[in-house]
Protein backbone atom coordinates (compact mmCIF):
# COMPACT_ATOMS: atom_id res chain seq x y z
CA MET A 1 0.00 0.00 0.00
CA THR A 2 1.33 3.45 -0.88
CA LYS A 3 1.80 6.14 1.76
CA THR A 4 -0.88 8.25 0.13
CA LYS A 5 -3.40 5.40 0.24
CA ALA A 6 -2.50 4.60 3.86
CA LEU A 7 -2.91 8.25 4.85
CA ASN A 8 -6.23 8.54 3.03
CA ASP A 9 -7.52 5.46 4.85
CA LEU A 10 -6.35 6.86 8.19
CA TYR A 11 -7.87 10.26 7.49
CA GLN A 12 -11.18 8.67 6.53
CA LYS A 13 -11.30 6.92 9.89
CA TYR A 14 -10.51 10.24 11.53
CA LYS A 15 -13.31 12.01 9.67
CA ASN A 16 -15.73 9.25 10.60
CA GLU A 17 -14.91 9.63 14.30
CA PHE A 18 -14.97 13.43 14.35
CA GLU A 19 -17.59 14.01 11.66
CA ASP A 20 -19.18 16.93 13.52
CA LYS A 21 -15.91 18.90 13.60
CA GLU A 22 -14.26 21.46 11.28
CA ILE A 23 -11.45 19.21 10.08
CA VAL A 24 -8.18 20.18 8.36
CA LEU A 25 -5.92 17.28 7.39
CA GLY A 26 -2.17 17.08 6.81
CA ASP A 27 -0.63 18.54 3.66
CA GLY A 28 2.60 18.22 1.71
CA ASN A 29 5.15 15.67 0.54
CA VAL A 30 4.38 12.24 2.03
CA ASN A 31 7.99 11.19 1.42
CA SER A 32 9.45 14.13 3.32
CA GLN A 33 12.28 13.60 5.79
CA LEU A 34 10.95 16.54 7.83
CA LEU A 35 7.54 16.49 9.53
CA LEU A 36 6.14 19.63 11.16
CA ILE A 37 3.37 19.17 13.72
CA GLY A 38 1.27 22.09 14.91
CA GLU A 39 -1.46 22.23 17.54
CA ALA A 40 -4.84 22.58 15.79
CA PRO A 41 -6.27 24.50 12.82
CA GLY A 42 -7.78 27.96 13.23
CA LYS A 43 -10.34 29.97 11.31
CA GLU A 44 -8.17 30.58 8.22
CA GLU A 45 -7.00 26.98 8.09
CA VAL A 46 -10.60 25.76 8.12
CA LYS A 47 -11.54 28.29 5.44
CA LEU A 48 -8.75 27.14 3.11
CA SER A 49 -8.65 23.48 4.25
CA LYS A 50 -4.90 23.74 4.71
CA PRO A 51 -2.68 23.78 7.84
CA PHE A 52 -0.63 26.86 8.71
CA VAL A 53 -2.02 29.67 6.62
CA GLY A 54 -2.86 33.20 7.75
CA MET A 55 -0.57 35.03 10.20
CA ALA A 56 0.96 31.87 11.67
CA GLY A 57 1.61 30.71 8.13
CA LYS A 58 3.64 33.84 7.43
CA ASN A 59 5.91 33.08 10.38
CA LEU A 60 6.16 29.49 9.22
CA SER A 61 7.28 30.72 5.81
CA GLU A 62 10.08 32.67 7.48
CA PHE A 63 11.05 29.51 9.35
CA LEU A 64 11.25 27.58 6.07
CA GLU A 65 13.27 30.36 4.45
CA ILE A 66 15.91 30.03 7.18
CA LEU A 67 16.06 26.30 6.58
CA LYS A 68 16.17 26.86 2.79
CA ILE A 69 13.29 24.41 2.43
CA ASP A 70 10.26 24.75 0.17
CA ARG A 71 6.91 24.16 1.87
CA GLN A 72 5.86 21.65 -0.77
CA SER A 73 8.90 19.47 -0.01
CA ILE A 74 7.85 18.79 3.60
CA TYR A 75 4.77 17.43 5.34
CA ILE A 76 2.76 19.60 7.74
CA THR A 77 0.01 18.39 10.05
CA ASN A 78 -1.58 19.10 13.43
CA ALA A 79 -1.79 17.04 16.59
CA ILE A 80 -5.53 17.78 16.63
CA LYS A 81 -6.99 18.07 13.16
CA TYR A 82 -10.16 20.00 13.94
CA ARG A 83 -10.69 23.55 15.10
CA LEU A 84 -10.88 24.05 18.85
CA SER A 85 -13.35 26.87 19.28
CA LYS A 86 -15.68 28.59 21.70
CA VAL A 87 -18.02 31.56 21.61
CA ASN A 88 -16.69 34.73 23.21
CA GLU A 89 -19.40 35.81 25.65
CA LYS A 90 -18.62 39.51 25.26
CA THR A 91 -18.46 39.72 21.48
CA GLY A 92 -20.49 36.69 20.45
CA ARG A 93 -17.69 35.74 18.03
CA THR A 94 -16.30 32.24 17.62
CA VAL A 95 -12.66 32.17 18.75
CA ASN A 96 -9.96 29.54 19.19
CA ARG A 97 -9.43 27.85 22.54
CA PRO A 98 -6.69 25.65 24.07
CA ALA A 99 -6.81 21.88 23.76
CA THR A 100 -7.77 19.80 26.76
CA GLN A 101 -5.68 16.86 27.90
CA ASP A 102 -8.53 14.54 26.98
CA GLU A 103 -8.62 15.93 23.42
CA ILE A 104 -4.88 15.45 23.02
CA LYS A 105 -5.18 11.84 24.19
CA LYS A 106 -8.12 11.08 21.90
CA ASN A 107 -6.17 12.37 18.88
CA ARG A 108 -2.80 10.89 19.85
CA GLU A 109 -3.19 7.45 18.27
CA TYR A 110 -4.08 8.99 14.91
CA LEU A 111 -0.99 11.21 15.10
CA LEU A 112 1.30 8.28 15.90
CA GLN A 113 -0.12 6.28 12.98
CA GLU A 114 0.31 9.30 10.71
CA ILE A 115 3.98 9.52 11.70
CA ASP A 116 4.44 5.79 11.18
CA ILE A 117 3.08 6.08 7.64
CA ILE A 118 5.24 9.07 6.65
CA LYS A 119 8.36 7.86 8.48
CA PRO A 120 10.33 11.14 8.47
CA ILE A 121 13.80 11.48 9.93
CA TYR A 122 13.08 14.71 11.80
CA ILE A 123 9.93 15.61 13.74
CA VAL A 124 9.53 19.28 14.65
CA THR A 125 6.75 19.98 17.13
CA LEU A 126 5.36 23.51 17.21
CA GLY A 127 3.99 24.40 20.63
CA ASN A 128 2.91 22.46 23.73
CA VAL A 129 0.11 20.36 22.26
CA PRO A 130 2.12 18.30 19.72
CA LEU A 131 5.03 18.04 22.18
CA ARG A 132 2.76 16.50 24.81
CA ALA A 133 1.03 14.30 22.25
CA ILE A 134 4.31 12.93 20.92
CA THR A 135 5.87 12.28 24.34
CA ASP A 136 2.65 11.33 26.16
CA ASP A 137 3.87 13.64 28.93
CA TYR A 138 1.25 16.25 29.78
CA ASN A 139 3.48 18.18 32.15
CA LYS A 140 6.08 19.00 29.49
CA SER A 141 6.42 22.65 28.58
CA ILE A 142 7.85 24.07 25.37
CA GLY A 143 9.50 26.77 27.46
CA GLU A 144 11.68 24.11 29.08
CA VAL A 145 12.68 22.06 26.04
CA HIS A 146 12.54 24.35 22.99
CA GLY A 147 15.61 24.07 20.79
CA ALA A 148 16.75 20.86 22.49
CA GLU A 149 17.26 17.88 20.21
CA SER A 150 16.43 14.37 21.41
CA THR A 151 15.44 10.99 19.99
CA ILE A 152 12.04 9.41 20.48
CA LEU A 153 10.67 5.93 19.82
CA ILE A 154 7.29 5.83 18.05
CA LEU A 155 5.78 2.46 17.21
CA LYS A 156 9.26 0.85 17.46
CA LYS A 157 10.98 3.36 15.16
CA LYS A 158 13.42 6.08 16.20
CA TYR A 159 13.08 9.71 15.17
CA PHE A 160 14.89 12.95 15.87
CA LEU A 161 12.63 15.26 17.87
CA PHE A 162 13.15 19.01 17.87
CA PRO A 163 10.56 21.15 19.75
CA LEU A 164 9.96 24.76 18.73
CA TYR A 165 7.60 27.47 19.90
CA HIS A 166 4.46 27.67 17.79
CA PRO A 167 4.81 30.33 15.04
CA ALA A 168 1.63 32.00 16.33
CA SER A 169 3.32 32.62 19.70
CA ILE A 170 5.57 35.18 18.03
CA ILE A 171 2.51 37.18 17.04
CA TYR A 172 1.44 37.57 20.66
CA ARG A 173 4.88 37.60 22.31
CA LYS A 174 7.34 39.63 20.26
CA SER A 175 10.12 38.81 22.74
CA LEU A 176 10.12 35.20 21.49
CA LYS A 177 11.19 36.16 17.97
CA ASP A 178 14.95 36.10 18.64
CA ILE A 179 14.68 32.83 20.56
CA TYR A 180 12.63 31.28 17.78
CA VAL A 181 15.10 32.30 15.07
CA LYS A 182 18.07 30.98 17.09
CA ASP A 183 16.30 27.65 17.57
CA VAL A 184 15.55 27.38 13.86
CA GLU A 185 19.20 28.14 13.03
CA LYS A 186 20.21 25.39 15.43
CA LEU A 187 17.84 22.98 13.69
CA LYS A 188 19.31 23.95 10.34
CA ASN A 189 22.81 23.07 11.56
CA ILE A 190 21.64 19.77 13.02
CA ILE A 191 20.00 18.75 9.75
CA LYS A 192 23.13 19.70 7.78
CA GLU A 193 25.33 17.71 10.15
CA LYS A 194 23.23 14.58 10.47
CA ALA A 195 21.39 14.15 7.18
CA SER A 196 23.75 11.48 5.90
CA GLU A 197 22.78 8.25 4.20
CA SER A 198 24.54 6.18 6.85
CA LEU A 199 22.58 7.92 9.59
CA ARG A 200 19.30 7.33 7.81
CA LYS A 201 20.12 3.62 7.54
CA SER A 202 21.06 3.38 11.22
CA PHE A 203 17.82 5.03 12.23
CA SER A 204 15.71 2.70 10.11
CA GLU A 205 17.16 -0.43 11.71
């Protein structure tokens, strides 16, 4: 079975389970060595049926420019693939809300299967939600581990894990911009250093 077929089957199961939700599925190159995982889609993502568009998408584009990587050459998904929303009591508008631990857990198995199908070398988590989903540790904080490389075992396969702040966090906290850029530069150097054929073979064993 091809990766595309396997992903389509997985996504269909996902849509069947969460059929009442505003769903945005993963997008990009299924053979990518780099997988980016965000938290959940927002209003613009739902509108365009594509992860990381709008303001957060602009910051993501800057991230990819630093890495010298084209968006279409990687795969981008979210830990939770439907919009997390609530109605603002003051304005009556529908706004985004944080994920609950229960929501992360309910979506986790789908995310792990998605990773197992794509089989990237590098997994970059963007924000707390994908970090906690990947590690199954709900006390982990991106503030403690951002920019720190590690390895992680997912369904008996090893991956490089590199946590980053979510691109949207820069919009609300300008002070994170320098930290974010430094972390991305560090990731760039790690990829340059370790993306060798011998390493790929050792990690697939």
